[in-house]
Amino acid sequence: MAGRTLALLGDSILDNAPYTGLEPDTATHLQRLLEPDWDVRLLARDGAVMRDVPHQLRRLGGRPDLAVLSIGGNDAIEHIGLLDRHASGSAEVLDELLGIVDAFARNYEEVARAVAERAERTLLCTIYDVRLEPARYARLVRVPVALLDDAIIRTGARLGLDVLDVRGVCTHDADFVLQIEPSAQGAAKIAAAIAAAARDGAGLTAARVFTG
């Protein structure tokens, strides 16, 4: 019988069976990698945004030893039109982008706190660099994603939570399908990184962030 529980909360970075074809999804890979010591519970849902996480938490039951939260990418997609914005000046675009990031940071911290209160340990996942088409979009989107990931990392630092930087996990075009979803290869990489984090980071490159 498994001794510890790992709960997956959030979006399709963790709930990606529709995108891996006949290959295992992230949750299946994780269960295979961590059994028999861990029981993996998939509560994440494809397409979820931050306001959906409280509903996922209501389905949690018990207190998992590790909660993995991957959320925010679909919230960011709501602002994809910013990449095509024709503004009168850079200050206008930056001001709008700052407003998006500030709202994201407030909402994200609220969600992260709620998850952390329900788990012994919490692992936050950043948003990876998606392979949008045309290639110009993939290049431009790295700017707002970097700012949102900064908000996630800052939240982890403030709350004393671990952070998995998924940008360093999914780094090749073959890690993605449909521009923004994890492929079978991407799902396997994400699962391996989460499994390593569950094992106290064995096999991962780690950095420590101190804050006052």
N, C-alpha and C. Protein backbone atom coordinates (compact mmCIF):
# COMPACT_ATOMS: atom_id res chain seq x y z
N MET A 1 0.85 -1.20 0.00
CA MET A 1 0.00 0.00 0.00
C MET A 1 0.88 1.24 0.00
N ALA A 2 0.51 2.26 -0.79
CA ALA A 2 1.28 3.49 -0.85
C ALA A 2 1.27 4.20 0.49
N GLY A 3 2.41 4.74 0.87
CA GLY A 3 2.50 5.41 2.15
C GLY A 3 2.25 6.90 2.07
N ARG A 4 2.47 7.50 0.89
CA ARG A 4 2.33 8.94 0.75
C ARG A 4 1.44 9.28 -0.46
N THR A 5 0.85 10.47 -0.39
CA THR A 5 -0.07 10.89 -1.45
C THR A 5 0.46 12.14 -2.14
N LEU A 6 0.37 12.14 -3.47
CA LEU A 6 0.75 13.28 -4.29
C LEU A 6 -0.48 13.72 -5.06
N ALA A 7 -0.89 14.96 -4.90
CA ALA A 7 -2.08 15.50 -5.57
C ALA A 7 -1.66 16.44 -6.68
N LEU A 8 -2.23 16.25 -7.87
CA LEU A 8 -1.95 17.10 -9.02
C LEU A 8 -3.12 18.06 -9.21
N LEU A 9 -2.85 19.34 -9.12
CA LEU A 9 -3.88 20.38 -9.22
C LEU A 9 -3.53 21.35 -10.34
N GLY A 10 -4.56 21.81 -11.04
CA GLY A 10 -4.31 22.82 -12.07
C GLY A 10 -4.86 22.44 -13.42
N ASP A 11 -3.99 22.52 -14.45
CA ASP A 11 -4.46 22.48 -15.83
C ASP A 11 -3.85 21.33 -16.62
N SER A 12 -3.79 21.50 -17.95
CA SER A 12 -3.38 20.40 -18.84
C SER A 12 -1.90 20.09 -18.81
N ILE A 13 -1.10 20.88 -18.13
CA ILE A 13 0.29 20.50 -17.93
C ILE A 13 0.33 19.20 -17.13
N LEU A 14 -0.68 18.99 -16.30
CA LEU A 14 -0.78 17.79 -15.48
C LEU A 14 -1.88 16.85 -15.95
N ASP A 15 -2.92 17.37 -16.58
CA ASP A 15 -4.03 16.56 -17.08
C ASP A 15 -3.97 16.59 -18.60
N ASN A 16 -3.13 15.73 -19.18
CA ASN A 16 -2.85 15.85 -20.60
C ASN A 16 -3.07 14.58 -21.42
N ALA A 17 -3.87 13.66 -20.91
CA ALA A 17 -4.13 12.42 -21.66
C ALA A 17 -4.65 12.68 -23.08
N PRO A 18 -5.49 13.73 -23.31
CA PRO A 18 -5.98 13.94 -24.68
C PRO A 18 -4.87 14.29 -25.67
N TYR A 19 -3.69 14.66 -25.19
CA TYR A 19 -2.63 15.14 -26.07
C TYR A 19 -1.45 14.18 -26.22
N THR A 20 -1.48 13.07 -25.50
CA THR A 20 -0.34 12.15 -25.55
C THR A 20 -0.64 10.91 -26.40
N GLY A 21 -1.79 10.88 -27.05
CA GLY A 21 -2.12 9.77 -27.94
C GLY A 21 -2.21 8.46 -27.18
N LEU A 22 -1.51 7.45 -27.67
CA LEU A 22 -1.52 6.14 -27.02
C LEU A 22 -0.45 6.03 -25.94
N GLU A 23 0.32 7.09 -25.77
CA GLU A 23 1.39 7.08 -24.76
C GLU A 23 0.83 7.52 -23.40
N PRO A 24 1.53 7.19 -22.31
CA PRO A 24 1.06 7.59 -20.98
C PRO A 24 1.07 9.11 -20.81
N ASP A 25 0.14 9.61 -20.00
CA ASP A 25 0.12 11.03 -19.67
C ASP A 25 0.99 11.27 -18.44
N THR A 26 1.05 12.51 -18.00
CA THR A 26 1.90 12.87 -16.86
C THR A 26 1.54 12.08 -15.61
N ALA A 27 0.25 11.99 -15.30
CA ALA A 27 -0.18 11.30 -14.08
C ALA A 27 0.20 9.82 -14.11
N THR A 28 0.03 9.19 -15.27
CA THR A 28 0.37 7.77 -15.39
C THR A 28 1.87 7.54 -15.24
N HIS A 29 2.65 8.40 -15.90
CA HIS A 29 4.10 8.32 -15.73
C HIS A 29 4.49 8.46 -14.27
N LEU A 30 3.88 9.44 -13.60
CA LEU A 30 4.22 9.69 -12.19
C LEU A 30 3.91 8.49 -11.31
N GLN A 31 2.75 7.89 -11.52
CA GLN A 31 2.39 6.74 -10.70
C GLN A 31 3.39 5.60 -10.90
N ARG A 32 3.80 5.39 -12.13
CA ARG A 32 4.76 4.34 -12.41
C ARG A 32 6.13 4.65 -11.80
N LEU A 33 6.51 5.93 -11.86
CA LEU A 33 7.82 6.33 -11.34
C LEU A 33 7.89 6.27 -9.82
N LEU A 34 6.76 6.53 -9.16
CA LEU A 34 6.77 6.67 -7.70
C LEU A 34 6.21 5.47 -6.95
N GLU A 35 5.54 4.55 -7.64
CA GLU A 35 5.00 3.40 -6.92
C GLU A 35 6.17 2.51 -6.46
N PRO A 36 5.99 1.79 -5.35
CA PRO A 36 4.76 1.64 -4.56
C PRO A 36 4.65 2.62 -3.40
N ASP A 37 5.58 3.60 -3.34
CA ASP A 37 5.64 4.47 -2.16
C ASP A 37 4.61 5.60 -2.18
N TRP A 38 4.16 5.98 -3.38
CA TRP A 38 3.26 7.12 -3.50
C TRP A 38 1.98 6.72 -4.23
N ASP A 39 0.90 7.39 -3.85
CA ASP A 39 -0.37 7.29 -4.57
C ASP A 39 -0.62 8.64 -5.23
N VAL A 40 -0.75 8.65 -6.55
CA VAL A 40 -0.92 9.90 -7.30
C VAL A 40 -2.40 10.13 -7.56
N ARG A 41 -2.89 11.31 -7.19
CA ARG A 41 -4.29 11.67 -7.41
C ARG A 41 -4.36 12.82 -8.41
N LEU A 42 -5.04 12.59 -9.52
CA LEU A 42 -5.18 13.60 -10.56
C LEU A 42 -6.46 14.39 -10.35
N LEU A 43 -6.31 15.63 -9.88
CA LEU A 43 -7.45 16.54 -9.71
C LEU A 43 -7.41 17.68 -10.73
N ALA A 44 -6.25 17.87 -11.36
CA ALA A 44 -6.12 18.90 -12.39
C ALA A 44 -7.06 18.59 -13.55
N ARG A 45 -7.47 19.63 -14.26
CA ARG A 45 -8.36 19.46 -15.40
C ARG A 45 -7.89 20.31 -16.58
N ASP A 46 -7.87 19.69 -17.73
CA ASP A 46 -7.52 20.38 -18.97
C ASP A 46 -8.38 21.64 -19.11
N GLY A 47 -7.73 22.76 -19.40
CA GLY A 47 -8.45 24.01 -19.60
C GLY A 47 -8.71 24.82 -18.36
N ALA A 48 -8.30 24.32 -17.19
CA ALA A 48 -8.58 25.02 -15.94
C ALA A 48 -7.86 26.36 -15.86
N VAL A 49 -8.51 27.30 -15.19
CA VAL A 49 -7.92 28.60 -14.86
C VAL A 49 -7.89 28.72 -13.34
N MET A 50 -7.35 29.79 -12.84
CA MET A 50 -7.14 29.91 -11.40
C MET A 50 -8.43 29.81 -10.59
N ARG A 51 -9.52 30.33 -11.13
CA ARG A 51 -10.77 30.29 -10.37
C ARG A 51 -11.32 28.86 -10.24
N ASP A 52 -10.75 27.90 -11.00
CA ASP A 52 -11.20 26.51 -10.91
C ASP A 52 -10.51 25.72 -9.80
N VAL A 53 -9.40 26.23 -9.29
CA VAL A 53 -8.62 25.48 -8.30
C VAL A 53 -9.40 25.24 -7.00
N PRO A 54 -10.15 26.20 -6.48
CA PRO A 54 -10.93 25.91 -5.26
C PRO A 54 -11.86 24.71 -5.42
N HIS A 55 -12.45 24.55 -6.60
CA HIS A 55 -13.30 23.39 -6.84
C HIS A 55 -12.48 22.10 -6.80
N GLN A 56 -11.29 22.14 -7.37
CA GLN A 56 -10.41 20.97 -7.32
C GLN A 56 -10.03 20.64 -5.88
N LEU A 57 -9.79 21.67 -5.08
CA LEU A 57 -9.44 21.44 -3.68
C LEU A 57 -10.59 20.82 -2.90
N ARG A 58 -11.82 21.17 -3.27
CA ARG A 58 -12.98 20.58 -2.58
C ARG A 58 -13.07 19.08 -2.83
N ARG A 59 -12.49 18.62 -3.92
CA ARG A 59 -12.49 17.20 -4.25
C ARG A 59 -11.28 16.47 -3.66
N LEU A 60 -10.43 17.21 -2.97
CA LEU A 60 -9.16 16.64 -2.52
C LEU A 60 -9.34 15.53 -1.50
N GLY A 61 -9.97 15.83 -0.40
CA GLY A 61 -10.13 14.82 0.64
C GLY A 61 -8.80 14.48 1.28
N GLY A 62 -8.69 14.61 2.57
CA GLY A 62 -7.43 14.32 3.24
C GLY A 62 -6.40 15.41 2.99
N ARG A 63 -5.20 15.16 3.48
CA ARG A 63 -4.11 16.13 3.37
C ARG A 63 -2.93 15.45 2.67
N PRO A 64 -2.69 15.75 1.40
CA PRO A 64 -1.61 15.08 0.68
C PRO A 64 -0.24 15.46 1.22
N ASP A 65 0.70 14.55 1.05
CA ASP A 65 2.08 14.84 1.45
C ASP A 65 2.70 15.86 0.51
N LEU A 66 2.28 15.84 -0.75
CA LEU A 66 2.78 16.81 -1.73
C LEU A 66 1.65 17.19 -2.67
N ALA A 67 1.43 18.51 -2.81
CA ALA A 67 0.49 19.03 -3.80
C ALA A 67 1.29 19.75 -4.88
N VAL A 68 1.04 19.39 -6.13
CA VAL A 68 1.71 20.03 -7.26
C VAL A 68 0.69 20.92 -7.95
N LEU A 69 1.02 22.19 -8.09
CA LEU A 69 0.10 23.16 -8.69
C LEU A 69 0.69 23.71 -9.98
N SER A 70 0.00 23.47 -11.08
CA SER A 70 0.37 24.07 -12.36
C SER A 70 -0.86 24.81 -12.88
N ILE A 71 -0.84 26.13 -12.78
CA ILE A 71 -2.00 26.94 -13.15
C ILE A 71 -1.51 28.30 -13.62
N GLY A 72 -2.31 28.95 -14.45
CA GLY A 72 -1.98 30.30 -14.88
C GLY A 72 -1.81 30.44 -16.38
N GLY A 73 -1.44 29.33 -17.04
CA GLY A 73 -1.24 29.42 -18.49
C GLY A 73 -2.51 29.78 -19.23
N ASN A 74 -3.63 29.18 -18.84
CA ASN A 74 -4.89 29.49 -19.51
C ASN A 74 -5.40 30.88 -19.16
N ASP A 75 -5.05 31.36 -17.96
CA ASP A 75 -5.39 32.74 -17.62
C ASP A 75 -4.62 33.70 -18.52
N ALA A 76 -3.37 33.36 -18.81
CA ALA A 76 -2.54 34.21 -19.66
C ALA A 76 -3.05 34.23 -21.09
N ILE A 77 -3.57 33.09 -21.57
CA ILE A 77 -4.06 33.01 -22.95
C ILE A 77 -5.19 34.00 -23.19
N GLU A 78 -5.92 34.34 -22.14
CA GLU A 78 -7.01 35.30 -22.29
C GLU A 78 -6.51 36.66 -22.78
N HIS A 79 -5.20 36.89 -22.63
CA HIS A 79 -4.63 38.20 -23.01
C HIS A 79 -3.74 38.07 -24.24
N ILE A 80 -3.90 36.99 -25.03
CA ILE A 80 -3.03 36.75 -26.16
C ILE A 80 -3.10 37.87 -27.19
N GLY A 81 -4.21 38.59 -27.21
CA GLY A 81 -4.36 39.69 -28.16
C GLY A 81 -3.34 40.79 -27.96
N LEU A 82 -2.70 40.82 -26.80
CA LEU A 82 -1.69 41.85 -26.54
C LEU A 82 -0.53 41.75 -27.53
N LEU A 83 -0.28 40.54 -28.04
CA LEU A 83 0.83 40.36 -28.98
C LEU A 83 0.59 41.08 -30.30
N ASP A 84 -0.67 41.36 -30.61
CA ASP A 84 -1.01 42.04 -31.86
C ASP A 84 -1.41 43.50 -31.64
N ARG A 85 -1.25 43.97 -30.41
CA ARG A 85 -1.71 45.31 -30.08
C ARG A 85 -0.87 46.38 -30.78
N HIS A 86 -1.52 47.28 -31.47
CA HIS A 86 -0.83 48.41 -32.09
C HIS A 86 -1.08 49.62 -31.20
N ALA A 87 -0.08 49.94 -30.41
CA ALA A 87 -0.22 51.04 -29.45
C ALA A 87 0.52 52.27 -29.94
N SER A 88 0.14 53.39 -29.38
CA SER A 88 0.78 54.64 -29.79
C SER A 88 2.20 54.75 -29.27
N GLY A 89 2.55 53.96 -28.25
CA GLY A 89 3.90 54.01 -27.71
C GLY A 89 4.16 52.84 -26.80
N SER A 90 5.42 52.58 -26.53
CA SER A 90 5.78 51.44 -25.69
C SER A 90 5.25 51.58 -24.28
N ALA A 91 5.15 52.80 -23.78
CA ALA A 91 4.66 53.00 -22.41
C ALA A 91 3.24 52.50 -22.26
N GLU A 92 2.42 52.68 -23.28
CA GLU A 92 1.03 52.22 -23.22
C GLU A 92 0.97 50.69 -23.10
N VAL A 93 1.77 50.00 -23.91
CA VAL A 93 1.80 48.54 -23.87
C VAL A 93 2.33 48.05 -22.53
N LEU A 94 3.41 48.67 -22.06
CA LEU A 94 4.00 48.26 -20.79
C LEU A 94 3.04 48.49 -19.63
N ASP A 95 2.30 49.58 -19.68
CA ASP A 95 1.34 49.86 -18.61
C ASP A 95 0.24 48.81 -18.60
N GLU A 96 -0.25 48.41 -19.77
CA GLU A 96 -1.28 47.38 -19.83
C GLU A 96 -0.72 46.04 -19.36
N LEU A 97 0.50 45.74 -19.78
CA LEU A 97 1.13 44.48 -19.38
C LEU A 97 1.35 44.44 -17.87
N LEU A 98 1.76 45.54 -17.28
CA LEU A 98 1.95 45.60 -15.85
C LEU A 98 0.64 45.37 -15.10
N GLY A 99 -0.45 45.92 -15.61
CA GLY A 99 -1.75 45.69 -14.98
C GLY A 99 -2.14 44.23 -15.02
N ILE A 100 -1.87 43.55 -16.14
CA ILE A 100 -2.17 42.12 -16.27
C ILE A 100 -1.34 41.32 -15.27
N VAL A 101 -0.06 41.64 -15.18
CA VAL A 101 0.84 40.91 -14.28
C VAL A 101 0.45 41.12 -12.82
N ASP A 102 0.11 42.34 -12.45
CA ASP A 102 -0.27 42.62 -11.06
C ASP A 102 -1.53 41.85 -10.67
N ALA A 103 -2.52 41.82 -11.55
CA ALA A 103 -3.76 41.08 -11.27
C ALA A 103 -3.46 39.58 -11.20
N PHE A 104 -2.62 39.09 -12.10
CA PHE A 104 -2.23 37.69 -12.08
C PHE A 104 -1.56 37.34 -10.76
N ALA A 105 -0.63 38.17 -10.32
CA ALA A 105 0.11 37.90 -9.10
C ALA A 105 -0.80 37.83 -7.88
N ARG A 106 -1.77 38.75 -7.79
CA ARG A 106 -2.71 38.73 -6.67
C ARG A 106 -3.53 37.44 -6.66
N ASN A 107 -4.07 37.09 -7.81
CA ASN A 107 -4.89 35.89 -7.90
C ASN A 107 -4.08 34.63 -7.67
N TYR A 108 -2.88 34.61 -8.21
CA TYR A 108 -2.04 33.42 -8.07
C TYR A 108 -1.66 33.19 -6.61
N GLU A 109 -1.29 34.24 -5.92
CA GLU A 109 -0.90 34.07 -4.52
C GLU A 109 -2.08 33.55 -3.69
N GLU A 110 -3.27 34.03 -3.97
CA GLU A 110 -4.45 33.55 -3.25
C GLU A 110 -4.65 32.05 -3.47
N VAL A 111 -4.49 31.62 -4.72
CA VAL A 111 -4.65 30.21 -5.05
C VAL A 111 -3.54 29.38 -4.41
N ALA A 112 -2.31 29.86 -4.50
CA ALA A 112 -1.17 29.12 -3.94
C ALA A 112 -1.32 28.97 -2.42
N ARG A 113 -1.77 30.02 -1.76
CA ARG A 113 -1.99 29.94 -0.31
C ARG A 113 -3.05 28.88 0.02
N ALA A 114 -4.12 28.86 -0.76
CA ALA A 114 -5.19 27.90 -0.51
C ALA A 114 -4.69 26.47 -0.66
N VAL A 115 -3.85 26.23 -1.66
CA VAL A 115 -3.30 24.89 -1.85
C VAL A 115 -2.33 24.55 -0.72
N ALA A 116 -1.47 25.49 -0.37
CA ALA A 116 -0.47 25.23 0.68
C ALA A 116 -1.12 24.92 2.02
N GLU A 117 -2.27 25.52 2.28
CA GLU A 117 -2.97 25.26 3.54
C GLU A 117 -3.53 23.85 3.61
N ARG A 118 -3.67 23.20 2.45
CA ARG A 118 -4.29 21.87 2.41
C ARG A 118 -3.27 20.74 2.25
N ALA A 119 -1.98 21.05 2.16
CA ALA A 119 -0.97 20.03 1.90
C ALA A 119 0.22 20.18 2.84
N GLU A 120 0.91 19.08 3.06
CA GLU A 120 2.11 19.12 3.87
C GLU A 120 3.22 19.88 3.17
N ARG A 121 3.29 19.72 1.86
CA ARG A 121 4.31 20.39 1.05
C ARG A 121 3.68 20.74 -0.29
N THR A 122 4.07 21.89 -0.85
CA THR A 122 3.50 22.34 -2.12
C THR A 122 4.61 22.66 -3.10
N LEU A 123 4.41 22.21 -4.33
CA LEU A 123 5.35 22.48 -5.43
C LEU A 123 4.62 23.29 -6.49
N LEU A 124 5.07 24.52 -6.72
CA LEU A 124 4.50 25.38 -7.76
C LEU A 124 5.24 25.17 -9.07
N CYS A 125 4.51 25.13 -10.17
CA CYS A 125 5.11 24.98 -11.49
C CYS A 125 5.00 26.30 -12.25
N THR A 126 6.08 26.71 -12.88
CA THR A 126 6.02 27.89 -13.73
C THR A 126 5.29 27.55 -15.03
N ILE A 127 5.07 28.57 -15.83
CA ILE A 127 4.47 28.41 -17.16
C ILE A 127 5.61 28.24 -18.16
N TYR A 128 5.53 27.22 -19.00
CA TYR A 128 6.64 27.03 -19.93
C TYR A 128 6.52 27.94 -21.15
N ASP A 129 7.62 28.03 -21.91
CA ASP A 129 7.65 28.84 -23.12
C ASP A 129 6.99 28.07 -24.25
N VAL A 130 5.78 28.46 -24.62
CA VAL A 130 5.02 27.72 -25.62
C VAL A 130 5.54 27.98 -27.03
N ARG A 131 5.25 27.06 -27.92
CA ARG A 131 5.71 27.15 -29.31
C ARG A 131 4.58 27.68 -30.19
N LEU A 132 4.23 28.94 -29.98
CA LEU A 132 3.15 29.53 -30.77
C LEU A 132 3.58 29.69 -32.23
N GLU A 133 2.59 29.74 -33.09
CA GLU A 133 2.82 30.00 -34.51
C GLU A 133 2.04 31.24 -34.92
N PRO A 134 2.62 32.08 -35.78
CA PRO A 134 3.95 31.97 -36.38
C PRO A 134 5.06 32.14 -35.34
N ALA A 135 6.29 31.86 -35.75
CA ALA A 135 7.44 31.87 -34.84
C ALA A 135 7.61 33.22 -34.15
N ARG A 136 7.17 34.29 -34.80
CA ARG A 136 7.26 35.62 -34.19
C ARG A 136 6.50 35.65 -32.88
N TYR A 137 5.33 35.00 -32.82
CA TYR A 137 4.55 34.97 -31.59
C TYR A 137 5.28 34.20 -30.48
N ALA A 138 5.92 33.10 -30.87
CA ALA A 138 6.66 32.31 -29.88
C ALA A 138 7.77 33.13 -29.26
N ARG A 139 8.36 33.99 -30.04
CA ARG A 139 9.43 34.87 -29.52
C ARG A 139 8.85 35.95 -28.62
N LEU A 140 7.79 36.60 -29.08
CA LEU A 140 7.21 37.71 -28.33
C LEU A 140 6.59 37.25 -27.01
N VAL A 141 5.96 36.07 -27.01
CA VAL A 141 5.24 35.62 -25.82
C VAL A 141 6.17 35.35 -24.65
N ARG A 142 7.46 35.19 -24.94
CA ARG A 142 8.41 34.95 -23.85
C ARG A 142 8.49 36.13 -22.89
N VAL A 143 8.17 37.33 -23.36
CA VAL A 143 8.25 38.51 -22.49
C VAL A 143 7.14 38.48 -21.43
N PRO A 144 5.86 38.41 -21.79
CA PRO A 144 4.84 38.35 -20.74
C PRO A 144 4.93 37.08 -19.89
N VAL A 145 5.29 35.94 -20.50
CA VAL A 145 5.41 34.70 -19.72
C VAL A 145 6.51 34.84 -18.67
N ALA A 146 7.61 35.49 -19.04
CA ALA A 146 8.69 35.69 -18.07
C ALA A 146 8.21 36.52 -16.87
N LEU A 147 7.37 37.52 -17.13
CA LEU A 147 6.86 38.35 -16.04
C LEU A 147 5.89 37.56 -15.16
N LEU A 148 5.06 36.73 -15.78
CA LEU A 148 4.14 35.91 -15.00
C LEU A 148 4.91 34.86 -14.18
N ASP A 149 5.94 34.29 -14.78
CA ASP A 149 6.75 33.31 -14.05
C ASP A 149 7.50 33.98 -12.89
N ASP A 150 7.89 35.22 -13.09
CA ASP A 150 8.51 35.96 -11.99
C ASP A 150 7.52 36.08 -10.83
N ALA A 151 6.26 36.32 -11.14
CA ALA A 151 5.23 36.40 -10.09
C ALA A 151 5.08 35.06 -9.38
N ILE A 152 5.14 33.96 -10.13
CA ILE A 152 5.04 32.64 -9.51
C ILE A 152 6.23 32.37 -8.59
N ILE A 153 7.42 32.69 -9.08
CA ILE A 153 8.63 32.45 -8.27
C ILE A 153 8.62 33.34 -7.02
N ARG A 154 8.20 34.59 -7.18
CA ARG A 154 8.11 35.48 -6.02
C ARG A 154 7.10 34.95 -5.00
N THR A 155 5.99 34.40 -5.49
CA THR A 155 4.99 33.83 -4.59
C THR A 155 5.58 32.67 -3.82
N GLY A 156 6.30 31.79 -4.52
CA GLY A 156 6.95 30.68 -3.85
C GLY A 156 7.93 31.15 -2.79
N ALA A 157 8.68 32.19 -3.10
CA ALA A 157 9.65 32.72 -2.13
C ALA A 157 8.94 33.30 -0.91
N ARG A 158 7.86 34.05 -1.15
CA ARG A 158 7.14 34.67 -0.02
C ARG A 158 6.50 33.62 0.89
N LEU A 159 5.95 32.58 0.28
CA LEU A 159 5.21 31.59 1.05
C LEU A 159 6.08 30.42 1.50
N GLY A 160 7.33 30.42 1.10
CA GLY A 160 8.21 29.32 1.48
C GLY A 160 7.88 28.02 0.78
N LEU A 161 7.46 28.10 -0.49
CA LEU A 161 7.06 26.92 -1.25
C LEU A 161 8.10 26.59 -2.31
N ASP A 162 8.19 25.32 -2.65
CA ASP A 162 9.10 24.90 -3.71
C ASP A 162 8.54 25.31 -5.07
N VAL A 163 9.44 25.54 -6.02
CA VAL A 163 9.05 25.91 -7.38
C VAL A 163 9.79 25.03 -8.37
N LEU A 164 9.07 24.46 -9.32
CA LEU A 164 9.66 23.73 -10.43
C LEU A 164 9.58 24.60 -11.67
N ASP A 165 10.73 25.01 -12.21
CA ASP A 165 10.74 25.86 -13.39
C ASP A 165 10.60 24.97 -14.63
N VAL A 166 9.38 24.86 -15.13
CA VAL A 166 9.09 23.95 -16.24
C VAL A 166 9.73 24.44 -17.54
N ARG A 167 10.14 25.71 -17.57
CA ARG A 167 10.83 26.22 -18.76
C ARG A 167 12.12 25.46 -19.03
N GLY A 168 12.72 24.94 -17.97
CA GLY A 168 13.94 24.16 -18.14
C GLY A 168 13.69 22.69 -18.35
N VAL A 169 12.42 22.28 -18.35
CA VAL A 169 12.05 20.87 -18.53
C VAL A 169 11.63 20.62 -19.97
N CYS A 170 10.69 21.42 -20.46
CA CYS A 170 10.22 21.29 -21.84
C CYS A 170 10.94 22.34 -22.69
N THR A 171 11.95 21.90 -23.41
CA THR A 171 12.84 22.83 -24.11
C THR A 171 12.93 22.57 -25.61
N HIS A 172 12.25 21.53 -26.11
CA HIS A 172 12.33 21.19 -27.52
C HIS A 172 10.95 21.24 -28.17
N ASP A 173 10.93 21.48 -29.46
CA ASP A 173 9.65 21.55 -30.18
C ASP A 173 8.84 20.27 -30.00
N ALA A 174 9.53 19.12 -29.92
CA ALA A 174 8.83 17.84 -29.80
C ALA A 174 8.17 17.66 -28.44
N ASP A 175 8.41 18.56 -27.50
CA ASP A 175 7.77 18.49 -26.19
C ASP A 175 6.35 19.05 -26.22
N PHE A 176 5.93 19.60 -27.38
CA PHE A 176 4.64 20.28 -27.48
C PHE A 176 3.81 19.73 -28.63
N VAL A 177 2.49 19.80 -28.46
CA VAL A 177 1.55 19.57 -29.56
C VAL A 177 0.52 20.70 -29.50
N LEU A 178 -0.11 20.96 -30.65
CA LEU A 178 -1.13 22.02 -30.72
C LEU A 178 -0.61 23.33 -30.13
N GLN A 179 0.66 23.58 -30.29
CA GLN A 179 1.37 24.80 -29.90
C GLN A 179 1.56 24.96 -28.39
N ILE A 180 0.54 24.61 -27.59
CA ILE A 180 0.60 24.94 -26.16
C ILE A 180 0.47 23.74 -25.24
N GLU A 181 0.23 22.54 -25.78
CA GLU A 181 -0.02 21.38 -24.92
C GLU A 181 1.21 20.48 -24.84
N PRO A 182 1.35 19.74 -23.73
CA PRO A 182 2.48 18.80 -23.65
C PRO A 182 2.25 17.60 -24.56
N SER A 183 3.27 17.24 -25.33
CA SER A 183 3.22 16.02 -26.12
C SER A 183 3.50 14.82 -25.21
N ALA A 184 3.51 13.63 -25.79
CA ALA A 184 3.88 12.45 -25.00
C ALA A 184 5.28 12.62 -24.43
N GLN A 185 6.18 13.16 -25.24
CA GLN A 185 7.55 13.40 -24.76
C GLN A 185 7.57 14.44 -23.65
N GLY A 186 6.81 15.52 -23.84
CA GLY A 186 6.75 16.56 -22.81
C GLY A 186 6.16 16.06 -21.52
N ALA A 187 5.09 15.25 -21.61
CA ALA A 187 4.46 14.69 -20.41
C ALA A 187 5.44 13.83 -19.63
N ALA A 188 6.23 13.02 -20.35
CA ALA A 188 7.22 12.16 -19.69
C ALA A 188 8.27 13.01 -18.97
N LYS A 189 8.70 14.09 -19.61
CA LYS A 189 9.71 14.96 -18.99
C LYS A 189 9.15 15.65 -17.74
N ILE A 190 7.91 16.13 -17.83
CA ILE A 190 7.29 16.80 -16.69
C ILE A 190 7.15 15.83 -15.52
N ALA A 191 6.70 14.62 -15.82
CA ALA A 191 6.53 13.61 -14.76
C ALA A 191 7.86 13.28 -14.11
N ALA A 192 8.91 13.14 -14.91
CA ALA A 192 10.23 12.81 -14.34
C ALA A 192 10.72 13.92 -13.42
N ALA A 193 10.47 15.17 -13.80
CA ALA A 193 10.90 16.29 -12.97
C ALA A 193 10.12 16.35 -11.66
N ILE A 194 8.80 16.12 -11.73
CA ILE A 194 7.98 16.14 -10.52
C ILE A 194 8.37 14.98 -9.61
N ALA A 195 8.61 13.80 -10.19
CA ALA A 195 9.03 12.65 -9.39
C ALA A 195 10.34 12.94 -8.68
N ALA A 196 11.27 13.58 -9.37
CA ALA A 196 12.54 13.93 -8.75
C ALA A 196 12.33 14.92 -7.60
N ALA A 197 11.43 15.89 -7.81
CA ALA A 197 11.13 16.85 -6.76
C ALA A 197 10.48 16.17 -5.56
N ALA A 198 9.62 15.19 -5.83
CA ALA A 198 8.98 14.45 -4.74
C ALA A 198 10.02 13.70 -3.91
N ARG A 199 11.08 13.28 -4.59
CA ARG A 199 12.17 12.59 -3.90
C ARG A 199 13.20 13.58 -3.38
N ASP A 200 12.74 14.76 -2.98
CA ASP A 200 13.60 15.81 -2.41
C ASP A 200 14.62 16.33 -3.39
N GLY A 201 14.26 16.34 -4.66
CA GLY A 201 15.10 16.99 -5.66
C GLY A 201 16.23 16.15 -6.20
N ALA A 202 16.27 14.87 -5.87
CA ALA A 202 17.35 14.01 -6.37
C ALA A 202 17.33 13.97 -7.89
N GLY A 203 18.45 14.33 -8.51
CA GLY A 203 18.55 14.32 -9.96
C GLY A 203 18.21 15.64 -10.62
N LEU A 204 17.75 16.62 -9.86
CA LEU A 204 17.42 17.92 -10.41
C LEU A 204 18.53 18.93 -10.14
N THR A 205 18.68 19.87 -11.04
CA THR A 205 19.53 21.02 -10.77
C THR A 205 18.73 21.99 -9.91
N ALA A 206 19.26 22.38 -8.77
CA ALA A 206 18.49 23.18 -7.82
C ALA A 206 19.20 24.51 -7.53
N ALA A 207 18.39 25.48 -7.19
CA ALA A 207 18.91 26.78 -6.75
C ALA A 207 18.09 27.22 -5.56
N ARG A 208 18.70 27.97 -4.67
CA ARG A 208 17.98 28.45 -3.49
C ARG A 208 17.75 29.95 -3.61
N VAL A 209 16.57 30.38 -3.22
CA VAL A 209 16.23 31.80 -3.26
C VAL A 209 15.94 32.25 -1.83
N PHE A 210 16.68 33.25 -1.37
CA PHE A 210 16.45 33.81 -0.04
C PHE A 210 15.80 35.16 -0.18
N THR A 211 14.87 35.46 0.72
CA THR A 211 14.20 36.75 0.68
C THR A 211 14.06 37.30 2.08
N GLY A 212 14.01 38.60 2.20
CA GLY A 212 13.96 39.23 3.51
C GLY A 212 12.56 39.28 4.06
